[in-house]
């Protein structure tokens, strides 16, 4: 996966500068990113505080773990079901 030059906290601070009235072209020149990157960041992180971003990351991590648990349990259930069916058919 491609690693970005900016952390989420840096991105949020750049977006806060834009909300404060700094022109987007000036921000792009100062920090060295493109306008398209700015608008992608704005769509993804617009309106978030750093604490909200941390909470979002925690929720995404918990969601990933729960999905993995579900996949593991589903696989175990399928294997046990196949074993029971084989024993019943004999």
N, C-alpha and C. Protein backbone atom coordinates (compact mmCIF):
# COMPACT_ATOMS: atom_id res chain seq x y z
N UNK A 1 0.84 -1.17 0.00
CA UNK A 1 0.00 0.00 0.00
C UNK A 1 0.89 1.24 0.00
N UNK A 2 0.51 2.21 -0.76
CA UNK A 2 1.29 3.44 -0.88
C UNK A 2 1.20 4.26 0.40
N UNK A 3 2.33 4.72 0.86
CA UNK A 3 2.39 5.54 2.06
C UNK A 3 2.35 7.01 1.66
N UNK A 4 1.52 7.77 2.34
CA UNK A 4 1.39 9.19 2.01
C UNK A 4 2.46 9.99 2.74
N UNK A 5 2.71 11.18 2.24
CA UNK A 5 3.68 12.07 2.86
C UNK A 5 3.15 12.72 4.11
N UNK A 6 1.85 12.81 4.24
CA UNK A 6 1.24 13.55 5.33
C UNK A 6 0.45 12.61 6.23
N UNK A 7 0.56 12.84 7.53
CA UNK A 7 -0.26 12.08 8.47
C UNK A 7 -1.66 12.67 8.48
N UNK A 8 -2.58 11.93 9.05
CA UNK A 8 -3.95 12.43 9.12
C UNK A 8 -4.04 13.70 9.95
N UNK A 9 -3.23 13.79 11.01
CA UNK A 9 -3.24 14.99 11.83
C UNK A 9 -2.76 16.20 11.03
N UNK A 10 -1.73 16.01 10.19
CA UNK A 10 -1.25 17.10 9.35
C UNK A 10 -2.31 17.52 8.34
N UNK A 11 -2.98 16.54 7.76
CA UNK A 11 -4.03 16.83 6.79
C UNK A 11 -5.15 17.64 7.44
N UNK A 12 -5.54 17.24 8.63
CA UNK A 12 -6.61 17.96 9.32
C UNK A 12 -6.18 19.38 9.64
N UNK A 13 -4.92 19.57 10.03
CA UNK A 13 -4.47 20.94 10.32
C UNK A 13 -4.44 21.78 9.05
N UNK A 14 -4.09 21.19 7.91
CA UNK A 14 -4.11 21.91 6.63
C UNK A 14 -5.54 22.29 6.28
N UNK A 15 -6.48 21.38 6.50
CA UNK A 15 -7.89 21.68 6.22
C UNK A 15 -8.41 22.78 7.14
N UNK A 16 -7.93 22.81 8.38
CA UNK A 16 -8.33 23.87 9.31
C UNK A 16 -7.80 25.22 8.83
N UNK A 17 -6.59 25.23 8.28
CA UNK A 17 -6.05 26.47 7.72
C UNK A 17 -6.94 26.97 6.58
N UNK A 18 -7.39 26.04 5.74
CA UNK A 18 -8.26 26.42 4.62
C UNK A 18 -9.58 26.99 5.13
N UNK A 19 -10.11 26.39 6.20
CA UNK A 19 -11.36 26.90 6.78
C UNK A 19 -11.16 28.29 7.37
N UNK A 20 -9.93 28.57 7.81
CA UNK A 20 -9.63 29.88 8.40
C UNK A 20 -9.51 30.97 7.35
N UNK A 21 -9.48 30.59 6.08
CA UNK A 21 -9.48 31.59 5.02
C UNK A 21 -8.24 31.62 4.15
N UNK A 22 -7.28 30.72 4.38
CA UNK A 22 -6.09 30.69 3.53
C UNK A 22 -6.49 30.08 2.19
N UNK A 23 -6.13 30.73 1.08
CA UNK A 23 -6.51 30.19 -0.24
C UNK A 23 -5.88 28.82 -0.50
N UNK A 24 -6.62 27.98 -1.20
CA UNK A 24 -6.18 26.62 -1.48
C UNK A 24 -4.87 26.62 -2.26
N UNK A 25 -4.75 27.52 -3.23
CA UNK A 25 -3.50 27.57 -4.02
C UNK A 25 -2.31 27.90 -3.15
N UNK A 26 -2.50 28.77 -2.16
CA UNK A 26 -1.42 29.13 -1.24
C UNK A 26 -1.03 27.94 -0.38
N UNK A 27 -2.03 27.21 0.12
CA UNK A 27 -1.75 26.02 0.91
C UNK A 27 -0.99 24.97 0.10
N UNK A 28 -1.42 24.79 -1.15
CA UNK A 28 -0.76 23.82 -2.03
C UNK A 28 0.70 24.20 -2.24
N UNK A 29 0.96 25.46 -2.43
CA UNK A 29 2.33 25.92 -2.66
C UNK A 29 3.17 25.78 -1.39
N UNK A 30 2.62 26.15 -0.25
CA UNK A 30 3.35 26.09 1.01
C UNK A 30 3.71 24.66 1.41
N UNK A 31 2.75 23.76 1.28
CA UNK A 31 2.93 22.40 1.79
C UNK A 31 3.34 21.40 0.71
N UNK A 32 3.27 21.79 -0.54
CA UNK A 32 3.75 20.93 -1.61
C UNK A 32 2.84 19.77 -1.99
N UNK A 33 1.56 20.04 -2.15
CA UNK A 33 0.63 19.01 -2.64
C UNK A 33 -0.25 19.63 -3.71
N UNK A 34 -0.98 18.78 -4.42
CA UNK A 34 -1.81 19.27 -5.52
C UNK A 34 -3.19 19.67 -5.02
N UNK A 35 -3.88 20.43 -5.85
CA UNK A 35 -5.24 20.83 -5.49
C UNK A 35 -6.17 19.62 -5.46
N UNK A 36 -5.94 18.67 -6.35
CA UNK A 36 -6.79 17.48 -6.34
C UNK A 36 -6.62 16.71 -5.03
N UNK A 37 -5.39 16.66 -4.51
CA UNK A 37 -5.16 16.01 -3.22
C UNK A 37 -5.92 16.73 -2.12
N UNK A 38 -5.90 18.06 -2.16
CA UNK A 38 -6.62 18.85 -1.16
C UNK A 38 -8.11 18.51 -1.17
N UNK A 39 -8.70 18.45 -2.35
CA UNK A 39 -10.14 18.20 -2.42
C UNK A 39 -10.48 16.76 -2.06
N UNK A 40 -9.58 15.83 -2.31
CA UNK A 40 -9.79 14.45 -1.85
C UNK A 40 -9.74 14.39 -0.33
N UNK A 41 -8.76 15.09 0.26
CA UNK A 41 -8.65 15.15 1.71
C UNK A 41 -9.90 15.79 2.31
N UNK A 42 -10.36 16.85 1.67
CA UNK A 42 -11.52 17.57 2.18
C UNK A 42 -12.75 16.66 2.18
N UNK A 43 -12.88 15.86 1.12
CA UNK A 43 -14.01 14.94 1.05
C UNK A 43 -13.91 13.86 2.13
N UNK A 44 -12.71 13.42 2.41
CA UNK A 44 -12.51 12.33 3.36
C UNK A 44 -12.48 12.82 4.81
N UNK A 45 -11.76 13.90 5.07
CA UNK A 45 -11.53 14.34 6.44
C UNK A 45 -12.24 15.65 6.80
N UNK A 46 -12.99 16.23 5.89
CA UNK A 46 -13.63 17.51 6.15
C UNK A 46 -14.56 17.47 7.35
N UNK A 47 -14.39 18.40 8.26
CA UNK A 47 -15.26 18.48 9.43
C UNK A 47 -14.83 17.61 10.60
N UNK A 48 -13.75 16.87 10.47
CA UNK A 48 -13.29 16.02 11.57
C UNK A 48 -12.27 16.75 12.43
N UNK A 49 -12.34 16.49 13.72
CA UNK A 49 -11.30 16.93 14.64
C UNK A 49 -10.34 15.75 14.82
N UNK A 50 -9.21 16.01 15.44
CA UNK A 50 -8.23 14.94 15.65
C UNK A 50 -8.81 13.86 16.56
N UNK A 51 -9.56 14.26 17.59
CA UNK A 51 -10.16 13.27 18.49
C UNK A 51 -11.19 12.41 17.75
N UNK A 52 -11.95 13.03 16.85
CA UNK A 52 -12.92 12.28 16.05
C UNK A 52 -12.21 11.32 15.10
N UNK A 53 -11.08 11.75 14.57
CA UNK A 53 -10.30 10.89 13.67
C UNK A 53 -9.77 9.68 14.43
N UNK A 54 -9.28 9.90 15.65
CA UNK A 54 -8.80 8.78 16.45
C UNK A 54 -9.93 7.80 16.74
N UNK A 55 -11.09 8.31 17.06
CA UNK A 55 -12.24 7.45 17.33
C UNK A 55 -12.64 6.68 16.08
N UNK A 56 -12.59 7.34 14.92
CA UNK A 56 -12.89 6.68 13.66
C UNK A 56 -11.92 5.53 13.40
N UNK A 57 -10.64 5.76 13.65
CA UNK A 57 -9.63 4.71 13.46
C UNK A 57 -9.88 3.54 14.41
N UNK A 58 -10.25 3.85 15.66
CA UNK A 58 -10.56 2.79 16.62
C UNK A 58 -11.75 1.96 16.15
N UNK A 59 -12.78 2.64 15.66
CA UNK A 59 -13.97 1.92 15.17
C UNK A 59 -13.66 1.08 13.95
N UNK A 60 -12.83 1.61 13.04
CA UNK A 60 -12.45 0.84 11.86
C UNK A 60 -11.66 -0.40 12.26
N UNK A 61 -10.77 -0.27 13.26
CA UNK A 61 -9.98 -1.40 13.72
C UNK A 61 -10.89 -2.44 14.38
N UNK A 62 -11.83 -1.98 15.20
CA UNK A 62 -12.77 -2.90 15.84
C UNK A 62 -13.62 -3.62 14.79
N UNK A 63 -14.06 -2.89 13.78
CA UNK A 63 -14.86 -3.47 12.71
C UNK A 63 -14.06 -4.54 11.96
N UNK A 64 -12.78 -4.27 11.71
CA UNK A 64 -11.92 -5.25 11.03
C UNK A 64 -11.79 -6.51 11.86
N UNK A 65 -11.57 -6.35 13.18
CA UNK A 65 -11.44 -7.51 14.06
C UNK A 65 -12.74 -8.31 14.11
N UNK A 66 -13.88 -7.63 14.18
CA UNK A 66 -15.17 -8.33 14.22
C UNK A 66 -15.44 -9.09 12.93
N UNK A 67 -15.08 -8.50 11.80
CA UNK A 67 -15.25 -9.19 10.52
C UNK A 67 -14.39 -10.44 10.46
N UNK A 68 -13.16 -10.36 11.00
CA UNK A 68 -12.27 -11.51 11.02
C UNK A 68 -12.82 -12.60 11.93
N UNK A 69 -13.35 -12.20 13.09
CA UNK A 69 -13.96 -13.17 14.00
C UNK A 69 -15.14 -13.87 13.33
N UNK A 70 -15.96 -13.11 12.64
CA UNK A 70 -17.12 -13.69 11.96
C UNK A 70 -16.67 -14.69 10.89
N UNK A 71 -15.64 -14.32 10.14
CA UNK A 71 -15.14 -15.22 9.09
C UNK A 71 -14.61 -16.52 9.70
N UNK A 72 -13.89 -16.41 10.80
CA UNK A 72 -13.35 -17.61 11.47
C UNK A 72 -14.48 -18.50 11.98
N UNK A 73 -15.46 -17.90 12.65
CA UNK A 73 -16.58 -18.69 13.17
C UNK A 73 -17.41 -19.31 12.05
N UNK A 74 -17.57 -18.59 10.98
CA UNK A 74 -18.32 -19.11 9.85
C UNK A 74 -17.62 -20.32 9.25
N UNK A 75 -16.32 -20.24 9.14
CA UNK A 75 -15.54 -21.36 8.61
C UNK A 75 -15.63 -22.58 9.53
N UNK A 76 -15.50 -22.35 10.84
CA UNK A 76 -15.62 -23.45 11.81
C UNK A 76 -17.00 -24.10 11.72
N UNK A 77 -18.02 -23.28 11.60
CA UNK A 77 -19.40 -23.78 11.51
C UNK A 77 -19.57 -24.66 10.26
N UNK A 78 -19.01 -24.21 9.15
CA UNK A 78 -19.13 -24.98 7.91
C UNK A 78 -18.41 -26.32 8.03
N UNK A 79 -17.23 -26.32 8.63
CA UNK A 79 -16.47 -27.57 8.79
C UNK A 79 -17.23 -28.53 9.69
N UNK A 80 -17.75 -28.03 10.82
CA UNK A 80 -18.51 -28.89 11.73
C UNK A 80 -19.78 -29.42 11.07
N UNK A 81 -20.43 -28.61 10.29
CA UNK A 81 -21.63 -29.03 9.59
C UNK A 81 -21.30 -30.14 8.58
N UNK A 82 -20.18 -30.01 7.87
CA UNK A 82 -19.77 -31.04 6.92
C UNK A 82 -19.46 -32.35 7.65
N UNK A 83 -18.83 -32.29 8.82
CA UNK A 83 -18.52 -33.48 9.59
C UNK A 83 -19.79 -34.18 10.04
N UNK A 84 -20.75 -33.44 10.53
CA UNK A 84 -22.02 -34.01 10.97
C UNK A 84 -22.76 -34.66 9.80
N UNK A 85 -22.78 -34.01 8.65
CA UNK A 85 -23.45 -34.57 7.48
C UNK A 85 -22.80 -35.87 7.04
N UNK A 86 -21.49 -35.96 7.08
CA UNK A 86 -20.78 -37.19 6.71
C UNK A 86 -21.10 -38.32 7.66
N UNK A 87 -21.18 -38.02 8.97
CA UNK A 87 -21.48 -39.05 9.96
C UNK A 87 -22.92 -39.54 9.80
N UNK A 88 -23.84 -38.63 9.48
CA UNK A 88 -25.23 -39.02 9.31
C UNK A 88 -25.46 -39.83 8.04
N UNK A 89 -24.68 -39.54 7.01
CA UNK A 89 -24.87 -40.27 5.74
C UNK A 89 -24.28 -41.67 5.77
N UNK A 90 -23.45 -41.98 6.74
CA UNK A 90 -22.84 -43.33 6.82
C UNK A 90 -23.71 -44.29 7.52
